[in-house]
Amino acid sequence: MGDAASIEAGTLPIFAHVFTCIYIQEKCKLHDCIGIVINVAGIILVSRPQFIFGNNTYSSALGYVYALLSGVGMSVGTVCSRAMSDGLSLIVVVFYNGLCGAIIMLILVYPTSSDRMYTLIPAYPITTAYLVGMVSLFLAYLYSYNRSLQLQSAGKTTILFNINIVAEFLADVIVFHKQVVNLEIIGAVLVILSSIIVFVFVCFETKLSVSEEAKLVQKPK
């Protein structure tokens, strides 16, 4: 879990910044680079992947490849959503996100499943309620993530998005009573710090842009 989470979440803001700079000409500023470095460092400390910290558990190299491809794939999807954000309604983007995800999951899951969902629903009502809740939250995620991409750069969005690592860490502590070590606390603080840096600079840039527009409006003809 630590390896997969750190590789996927760590590569997301890096590749997203690279792809947006290349394909949609977004600028990567110094504070963005600082935010990425702090963010990735925090993710590593929270996840404590074994390929850095080491333990006796064997991990397949193929797993690392899948985690890396997952981060790259999410980066590409983020850039695509950002590129479409100006020309398409948000509802259209969310709809096709959900539709493509459903089609891909059916192709991957249905042929490999020995049980059918309709046979499990009567036997596991609590699990069904959890699934409904999970789908509802996923739709909320699709809406908020794509809405964010309409309002700001993809690079900043991916840094802020990685706050989910801290949420997962807190869930482990509260729900599963995971033992916390100092490195994990430091990592969580670094992830939050990177989000604060991005938030402060976004507010500053927005205020500066509004001030410049106000000056243009007030400028006498």
C-alpha atoms as a PDB file:
ATOM      1  CA  MET A   1       0.000   0.000   0.000  1.00  0.00           C
ATOM      2  CA  GLY A   2       2.774   2.433   0.890  1.00  0.00           C
ATOM      3  CA  ASP A   3       4.678   1.721  -2.315  1.00  0.00           C
ATOM      4  CA  ALA A   4       1.626   2.044  -4.557  1.00  0.00           C
ATOM      5  CA  ALA A   5       0.322   5.191  -2.855  1.00  0.00           C
ATOM      6  CA  SER A   6       3.681   6.980  -2.848  1.00  0.00           C
ATOM      7  CA  ILE A   7       4.495   6.175  -6.481  1.00  0.00           C
ATOM      8  CA  GLU A   8       1.053   7.053  -7.844  1.00  0.00           C
ATOM      9  CA  ALA A   9       0.492  10.197  -5.776  1.00  0.00           C
ATOM     10  CA  GLY A  10       4.103  11.323  -6.093  1.00  0.00           C
ATOM     11  CA  THR A  11       4.246  11.039  -9.875  1.00  0.00           C
ATOM     12  CA  LEU A  12       0.854  12.717 -10.432  1.00  0.00           C
ATOM     13  CA  PRO A  13       1.890  16.360  -9.793  1.00  0.00           C
ATOM     14  CA  ILE A  14       5.266  15.854 -11.510  1.00  0.00           C
ATOM     15  CA  PHE A  15       3.914  14.442 -14.774  1.00  0.00           C
ATOM     16  CA  ALA A  16       0.864  16.721 -14.713  1.00  0.00           C
ATOM     17  CA  HIS A  17       3.128  19.783 -14.616  1.00  0.00           C
ATOM     18  CA  VAL A  18       5.344  18.386 -17.395  1.00  0.00           C
ATOM     19  CA  PHE A  19       2.418  17.470 -19.667  1.00  0.00           C
ATOM     20  CA  THR A  20       0.574  20.757 -19.151  1.00  0.00           C
ATOM     21  CA  CYS A  21       3.727  22.748 -19.918  1.00  0.00           C
ATOM     22  CA  ILE A  22       4.268  20.757 -23.133  1.00  0.00           C
ATOM     23  CA  TYR A  23       0.742  20.347 -24.501  1.00  0.00           C
ATOM     24  CA  ILE A  24      -1.345  23.250 -23.218  1.00  0.00           C
ATOM     25  CA  GLN A  25       1.457  25.732 -22.476  1.00  0.00           C
ATOM     26  CA  GLU A  26       0.749  26.277 -18.793  1.00  0.00           C
ATOM     27  CA  LYS A  27       3.595  27.921 -16.890  1.00  0.00           C
ATOM     28  CA  CYS A  28       5.364  26.099 -14.064  1.00  0.00           C
ATOM     29  CA  LYS A  29       6.544  28.749 -11.621  1.00  0.00           C
ATOM     30  CA  LEU A  30       9.111  28.485  -8.850  1.00  0.00           C
ATOM     31  CA  HIS A  31       6.526  28.173  -6.100  1.00  0.00           C
ATOM     32  CA  ASP A  32       4.895  25.321  -8.050  1.00  0.00           C
ATOM     33  CA  CYS A  33       8.221  23.438  -8.079  1.00  0.00           C
ATOM     34  CA  ILE A  34       8.675  24.073  -4.349  1.00  0.00           C
ATOM     35  CA  GLY A  35       5.145  22.803  -3.709  1.00  0.00           C
ATOM     36  CA  ILE A  36       5.829  19.630  -5.718  1.00  0.00           C
ATOM     37  CA  VAL A  37       9.068  18.874  -3.841  1.00  0.00           C
ATOM     38  CA  ILE A  38       7.434  19.382  -0.426  1.00  0.00           C
ATOM     39  CA  ASN A  39       4.356  17.419  -1.500  1.00  0.00           C
ATOM     40  CA  VAL A  40       6.317  14.409  -2.761  1.00  0.00           C
ATOM     41  CA  ALA A  41       8.552  14.425   0.338  1.00  0.00           C
ATOM     42  CA  GLY A  42       5.486  14.408   2.569  1.00  0.00           C
ATOM     43  CA  ILE A  43       3.891  11.563   0.615  1.00  0.00           C
ATOM     44  CA  ILE A  44       7.051   9.467   0.980  1.00  0.00           C
ATOM     45  CA  LEU A  45       7.163  10.023   4.736  1.00  0.00           C
ATOM     46  CA  VAL A  46       3.462   9.235   5.195  1.00  0.00           C
ATOM     47  CA  SER A  47       3.497   6.143   2.972  1.00  0.00           C
ATOM     48  CA  ARG A  48       6.988   4.976   4.007  1.00  0.00           C
ATOM     49  CA  PRO A  49       7.471   2.788   0.908  1.00  0.00           C
ATOM     50  CA  GLN A  50       9.633  -0.243   1.364  1.00  0.00           C
ATOM     51  CA  PHE A  51      11.812   0.539  -1.643  1.00  0.00           C
ATOM     52  CA  ILE A  52      13.121   3.506   0.381  1.00  0.00           C
ATOM     53  CA  PHE A  53      12.716   2.487   4.025  1.00  0.00           C
ATOM     54  CA  GLY A  54      13.056  -1.259   3.451  1.00  0.00           C
ATOM     55  CA  ASN A  55      11.441  -4.282   5.107  1.00  0.00           C
ATOM     56  CA  ASN A  56      11.303  -8.011   4.612  1.00  0.00           C
ATOM     57  CA  THR A  57       8.173  -8.030   2.413  1.00  0.00           C
ATOM     58  CA  TYR A  58       8.744  -9.024  -1.213  1.00  0.00           C
ATOM     59  CA  SER A  59       7.349  -6.713  -3.874  1.00  0.00           C
ATOM     60  CA  SER A  60       7.111  -7.551  -7.552  1.00  0.00           C
ATOM     61  CA  ALA A  61       8.737  -5.141  -9.995  1.00  0.00           C
ATOM     62  CA  LEU A  62       5.550  -5.371 -12.064  1.00  0.00           C
ATOM     63  CA  GLY A  63       3.662  -3.740  -9.198  1.00  0.00           C
ATOM     64  CA  TYR A  64       5.921  -0.711  -9.349  1.00  0.00           C
ATOM     65  CA  VAL A  65       5.355  -0.487 -13.102  1.00  0.00           C
ATOM     66  CA  TYR A  66       1.570  -0.536 -12.642  1.00  0.00           C
ATOM     67  CA  ALA A  67       1.756   2.140  -9.930  1.00  0.00           C
ATOM     68  CA  LEU A  68       3.926   4.340 -12.156  1.00  0.00           C
ATOM     69  CA  LEU A  69       1.594   3.852 -15.130  1.00  0.00           C
ATOM     70  CA  SER A  70      -1.340   4.722 -12.866  1.00  0.00           C
ATOM     71  CA  GLY A  71       0.287   8.041 -11.944  1.00  0.00           C
ATOM     72  CA  VAL A  72       1.091   8.792 -15.588  1.00  0.00           C
ATOM     73  CA  GLY A  73      -2.447   7.832 -16.666  1.00  0.00           C
ATOM     74  CA  MET A  74      -4.034  10.098 -14.047  1.00  0.00           C
ATOM     75  CA  SER A  75      -1.727  12.909 -15.188  1.00  0.00           C
ATOM     76  CA  VAL A  76      -2.796  12.477 -18.812  1.00  0.00           C
ATOM     77  CA  GLY A  77      -6.467  12.379 -17.783  1.00  0.00           C
ATOM     78  CA  THR A  78      -5.983  15.556 -15.746  1.00  0.00           C
ATOM     79  CA  VAL A  79      -4.415  17.361 -18.705  1.00  0.00           C
ATOM     80  CA  CYS A  80      -7.253  16.199 -20.985  1.00  0.00           C
ATOM     81  CA  SER A  81      -9.878  17.434 -18.528  1.00  0.00           C
ATOM     82  CA  ARG A  82      -8.069  20.750 -18.202  1.00  0.00           C
ATOM     83  CA  ALA A  83      -7.875  21.124 -21.985  1.00  0.00           C
ATOM     84  CA  MET A  84     -11.621  20.415 -22.305  1.00  0.00           C
ATOM     85  CA  SER A  85     -12.632  22.664 -19.415  1.00  0.00           C
ATOM     86  CA  ASP A  86     -13.046  25.806 -21.535  1.00  0.00           C
ATOM     87  CA  GLY A  87     -15.050  24.270 -24.371  1.00  0.00           C
ATOM     88  CA  LEU A  88     -17.363  21.756 -22.683  1.00  0.00           C
ATOM     89  CA  SER A  89     -19.941  21.834 -19.923  1.00  0.00           C
ATOM     90  CA  LEU A  90     -18.766  20.357 -16.634  1.00  0.00           C
ATOM     91  CA  ILE A  91     -21.687  17.915 -16.694  1.00  0.00           C
ATOM     92  CA  VAL A  92     -20.476  16.551 -20.052  1.00  0.00           C
ATOM     93  CA  VAL A  93     -16.940  16.010 -18.713  1.00  0.00           C
ATOM     94  CA  VAL A  94     -18.188  14.270 -15.556  1.00  0.00           C
ATOM     95  CA  PHE A  95     -20.623  12.130 -17.572  1.00  0.00           C
ATOM     96  CA  TYR A  96     -17.945  10.832 -19.928  1.00  0.00           C
ATOM     97  CA  ASN A  97     -15.546  10.263 -17.040  1.00  0.00           C
ATOM     98  CA  GLY A  98     -18.135   8.073 -15.356  1.00  0.00           C
ATOM     99  CA  LEU A  99     -19.251   6.373 -18.573  1.00  0.00           C
ATOM    100  CA  CYS A 100     -15.729   5.450 -19.700  1.00  0.00           C
ATOM    101  CA  GLY A 101     -14.863   4.275 -16.186  1.00  0.00           C
ATOM    102  CA  ALA A 102     -17.961   2.047 -16.070  1.00  0.00           C
ATOM    103  CA  ILE A 103     -17.206   0.507 -19.477  1.00  0.00           C
ATOM    104  CA  ILE A 104     -13.566  -0.199 -18.589  1.00  0.00           C
ATOM    105  CA  MET A 105     -14.511  -1.715 -15.220  1.00  0.00           C
ATOM    106  CA  LEU A 106     -17.141  -3.988 -16.823  1.00  0.00           C
ATOM    107  CA  ILE A 107     -14.570  -5.218 -19.355  1.00  0.00           C
ATOM    108  CA  LEU A 108     -11.999  -5.915 -16.643  1.00  0.00           C
ATOM    109  CA  VAL A 109     -14.214  -7.179 -13.813  1.00  0.00           C
ATOM    110  CA  TYR A 110     -17.186  -9.001 -15.327  1.00  0.00           C
ATOM    111  CA  PRO A 111     -15.288 -11.798 -17.158  1.00  0.00           C
ATOM    112  CA  THR A 112     -13.070 -12.469 -14.115  1.00  0.00           C
ATOM    113  CA  SER A 113     -15.831 -12.555 -11.483  1.00  0.00           C
ATOM    114  CA  SER A 114     -17.322 -15.870 -10.349  1.00  0.00           C
ATOM    115  CA  ASP A 115     -20.287 -14.146  -8.644  1.00  0.00           C
ATOM    116  CA  ARG A 116     -22.775 -11.714 -10.110  1.00  0.00           C
ATOM    117  CA  MET A 117     -23.617  -8.495  -8.289  1.00  0.00           C
ATOM    118  CA  TYR A 118     -27.382  -9.101  -8.332  1.00  0.00           C
ATOM    119  CA  THR A 119     -26.859 -12.360  -6.378  1.00  0.00           C
ATOM    120  CA  LEU A 120     -24.797 -10.594  -3.698  1.00  0.00           C
ATOM    121  CA  ILE A 121     -27.122  -7.647  -3.017  1.00  0.00           C
ATOM    122  CA  PRO A 122     -29.755  -9.587  -0.981  1.00  0.00           C
ATOM    123  CA  ALA A 123     -27.085 -11.421   1.018  1.00  0.00           C
ATOM    124  CA  TYR A 124     -24.978  -8.363   1.904  1.00  0.00           C
ATOM    125  CA  PRO A 125     -27.252  -5.308   2.414  1.00  0.00           C
ATOM    126  CA  ILE A 126     -24.665  -3.417   4.510  1.00  0.00           C
ATOM    127  CA  THR A 127     -22.008  -3.899   1.836  1.00  0.00           C
ATOM    128  CA  THR A 128     -24.487  -2.683  -0.775  1.00  0.00           C
ATOM    129  CA  ALA A 129     -25.062   0.483   1.275  1.00  0.00           C
ATOM    130  CA  TYR A 130     -21.295   1.030   1.411  1.00  0.00           C
ATOM    131  CA  LEU A 131     -21.080   0.608  -2.370  1.00  0.00           C
ATOM    132  CA  VAL A 132     -23.836   3.172  -2.918  1.00  0.00           C
ATOM    133  CA  GLY A 133     -22.026   5.580  -0.627  1.00  0.00           C
ATOM    134  CA  MET A 134     -18.741   4.945  -2.434  1.00  0.00           C
ATOM    135  CA  VAL A 135     -20.312   5.670  -5.825  1.00  0.00           C
ATOM    136  CA  SER A 136     -21.949   8.852  -4.501  1.00  0.00           C
ATOM    137  CA  LEU A 137     -18.641  10.106  -3.107  1.00  0.00           C
ATOM    138  CA  PHE A 138     -16.881   9.190  -6.353  1.00  0.00           C
ATOM    139  CA  LEU A 139     -19.344  11.322  -8.332  1.00  0.00           C
ATOM    140  CA  ALA A 140     -18.703  14.179  -5.893  1.00  0.00           C
ATOM    141  CA  TYR A 141     -14.966  13.677  -6.476  1.00  0.00           C
ATOM    142  CA  LEU A 142     -15.398  13.784 -10.274  1.00  0.00           C
ATOM    143  CA  TYR A 143     -17.420  16.979 -10.057  1.00  0.00           C
ATOM    144  CA  SER A 144     -15.130  18.821  -7.625  1.00  0.00           C
ATOM    145  CA  TYR A 145     -11.898  17.706  -9.334  1.00  0.00           C
ATOM    146  CA  ASN A 146     -13.053  18.719 -12.812  1.00  0.00           C
ATOM    147  CA  ARG A 147     -14.564  21.936 -11.470  1.00  0.00           C
ATOM    148  CA  SER A 148     -11.187  22.757  -9.949  1.00  0.00           C
ATOM    149  CA  LEU A 149      -9.542  22.160 -13.330  1.00  0.00           C
ATOM    150  CA  GLN A 150     -11.909  24.732 -14.840  1.00  0.00           C
ATOM    151  CA  LEU A 151     -10.818  27.365 -12.340  1.00  0.00           C
ATOM    152  CA  GLN A 152      -7.059  26.859 -12.008  1.00  0.00           C
ATOM    153  CA  SER A 153      -4.047  25.120 -13.533  1.00  0.00           C
ATOM    154  CA  ALA A 154      -3.755  21.343 -13.600  1.00  0.00           C
ATOM    155  CA  GLY A 155      -0.452  21.459 -11.701  1.00  0.00           C
ATOM    156  CA  LYS A 156      -1.916  23.306  -8.728  1.00  0.00           C
ATOM    157  CA  THR A 157      -4.964  21.040  -8.714  1.00  0.00           C
ATOM    158  CA  THR A 158      -2.847  17.879  -8.504  1.00  0.00           C
ATOM    159  CA  ILE A 159      -0.832  19.225  -5.568  1.00  0.00           C
ATOM    160  CA  LEU A 160      -4.017  20.092  -3.683  1.00  0.00           C
ATOM    161  CA  PHE A 161      -5.547  16.754  -4.684  1.00  0.00           C
ATOM    162  CA  ASN A 162      -2.802  14.861  -2.829  1.00  0.00           C
ATOM    163  CA  ILE A 163      -4.303  16.012   0.458  1.00  0.00           C
ATOM    164  CA  ASN A 164      -6.211  12.716   0.130  1.00  0.00           C
ATOM    165  CA  ILE A 165      -3.048  10.962   1.367  1.00  0.00           C
ATOM    166  CA  VAL A 166      -3.462  12.782   4.687  1.00  0.00           C
ATOM    167  CA  ALA A 167      -7.155  11.838   4.773  1.00  0.00           C
ATOM    168  CA  GLU A 168      -6.254   8.167   4.218  1.00  0.00           C
ATOM    169  CA  PHE A 169      -3.615   8.415   6.951  1.00  0.00           C
ATOM    170  CA  LEU A 170      -6.149   9.854   9.416  1.00  0.00           C
ATOM    171  CA  ALA A 171      -8.674   7.165   8.451  1.00  0.00           C
ATOM    172  CA  ASP A 172      -6.095   4.471   9.216  1.00  0.00           C
ATOM    173  CA  VAL A 173      -5.511   6.020  12.635  1.00  0.00           C
ATOM    174  CA  ILE A 174      -9.162   6.652  13.552  1.00  0.00           C
ATOM    175  CA  VAL A 175     -10.883   3.626  11.996  1.00  0.00           C
ATOM    176  CA  PHE A 176      -8.195   0.938  12.065  1.00  0.00           C
ATOM    177  CA  HIS A 177      -6.237   2.257  15.093  1.00  0.00           C
ATOM    178  CA  LYS A 178      -2.945   2.278  13.229  1.00  0.00           C
ATOM    179  CA  GLN A 179       0.130   3.074  15.296  1.00  0.00           C
ATOM    180  CA  VAL A 180       1.551   6.465  14.314  1.00  0.00           C
ATOM    181  CA  VAL A 181       5.280   7.161  14.021  1.00  0.00           C
ATOM    182  CA  ASN A 182       6.942  10.574  13.951  1.00  0.00           C
ATOM    183  CA  LEU A 183       7.889  10.332  10.270  1.00  0.00           C
ATOM    184  CA  GLU A 184       4.227   9.913   9.299  1.00  0.00           C
ATOM    185  CA  ILE A 185       3.239  13.007  11.288  1.00  0.00           C
ATOM    186  CA  ILE A 186       6.039  15.012   9.660  1.00  0.00           C
ATOM    187  CA  GLY A 187       4.956  13.737   6.229  1.00  0.00           C
ATOM    188  CA  ALA A 188       1.330  14.705   6.823  1.00  0.00           C
ATOM    189  CA  VAL A 189       2.439  18.196   7.906  1.00  0.00           C
ATOM    190  CA  LEU A 190       4.554  18.549   4.726  1.00  0.00           C
ATOM    191  CA  VAL A 191       1.624  17.557   2.486  1.00  0.00           C
ATOM    192  CA  ILE A 192      -0.595  20.095   4.242  1.00  0.00           C
ATOM    193  CA  LEU A 193       2.198  22.695   3.986  1.00  0.00           C
ATOM    194  CA  SER A 194       2.468  22.180   0.212  1.00  0.00           C
ATOM    195  CA  SER A 195      -1.288  22.710  -0.089  1.00  0.00           C
ATOM    196  CA  ILE A 196      -1.052  25.899   1.985  1.00  0.00           C
ATOM    197  CA  ILE A 197       1.756  27.218  -0.243  1.00  0.00           C
ATOM    198  CA  VAL A 198      -0.337  26.610  -3.357  1.00  0.00           C
ATOM    199  CA  PHE A 199      -3.435  28.123  -1.739  1.00  0.00           C
ATOM    200  CA  VAL A 200      -1.595  31.284  -0.630  1.00  0.00           C
ATOM    201  CA  PHE A 201      -0.048  31.862  -4.066  1.00  0.00           C
ATOM    202  CA  VAL A 202      -3.368  31.220  -5.825  1.00  0.00           C
ATOM    203  CA  CYS A 203      -5.048  33.809  -3.583  1.00  0.00           C
ATOM    204  CA  PHE A 204      -2.205  36.273  -4.222  1.00  0.00           C
ATOM    205  CA  GLU A 205      -2.307  35.754  -7.999  1.00  0.00           C
ATOM    206  CA  THR A 206      -6.114  36.065  -8.034  1.00  0.00           C
ATOM    207  CA  LYS A 207      -6.000  39.280  -6.009  1.00  0.00           C
ATOM    208  CA  LEU A 208      -3.320  40.696  -8.304  1.00  0.00           C
ATOM    209  CA  SER A 209      -5.322  39.791 -11.415  1.00  0.00           C
ATOM    210  CA  VAL A 210      -8.496  41.363 -10.015  1.00  0.00           C
ATOM    211  CA  SER A 211      -6.581  44.537  -9.145  1.00  0.00           C
ATOM    212  CA  GLU A 212      -5.185  44.806 -12.670  1.00  0.00           C
ATOM    213  CA  GLU A 213      -8.635  44.291 -14.208  1.00  0.00           C
ATOM    214  CA  ALA A 214     -10.084  46.935 -11.896  1.00  0.00           C
ATOM    215  CA  LYS A 215      -7.398  49.395 -12.995  1.00  0.00           C
ATOM    216  CA  LEU A 216      -8.221  48.748 -16.642  1.00  0.00           C
ATOM    217  CA  VAL A 217     -11.935  49.313 -16.019  1.00  0.00           C
ATOM    218  CA  GLN A 218     -11.298  52.532 -14.084  1.00  0.00           C
ATOM    219  CA  LYS A 219      -8.771  53.865 -16.604  1.00  0.00           C
ATOM    220  CA  PRO A 220     -10.234  56.967 -18.299  1.00  0.00           C
ATOM    221  CA  LYS A 221     -10.734  56.876 -22.026  1.00  0.00           C
END
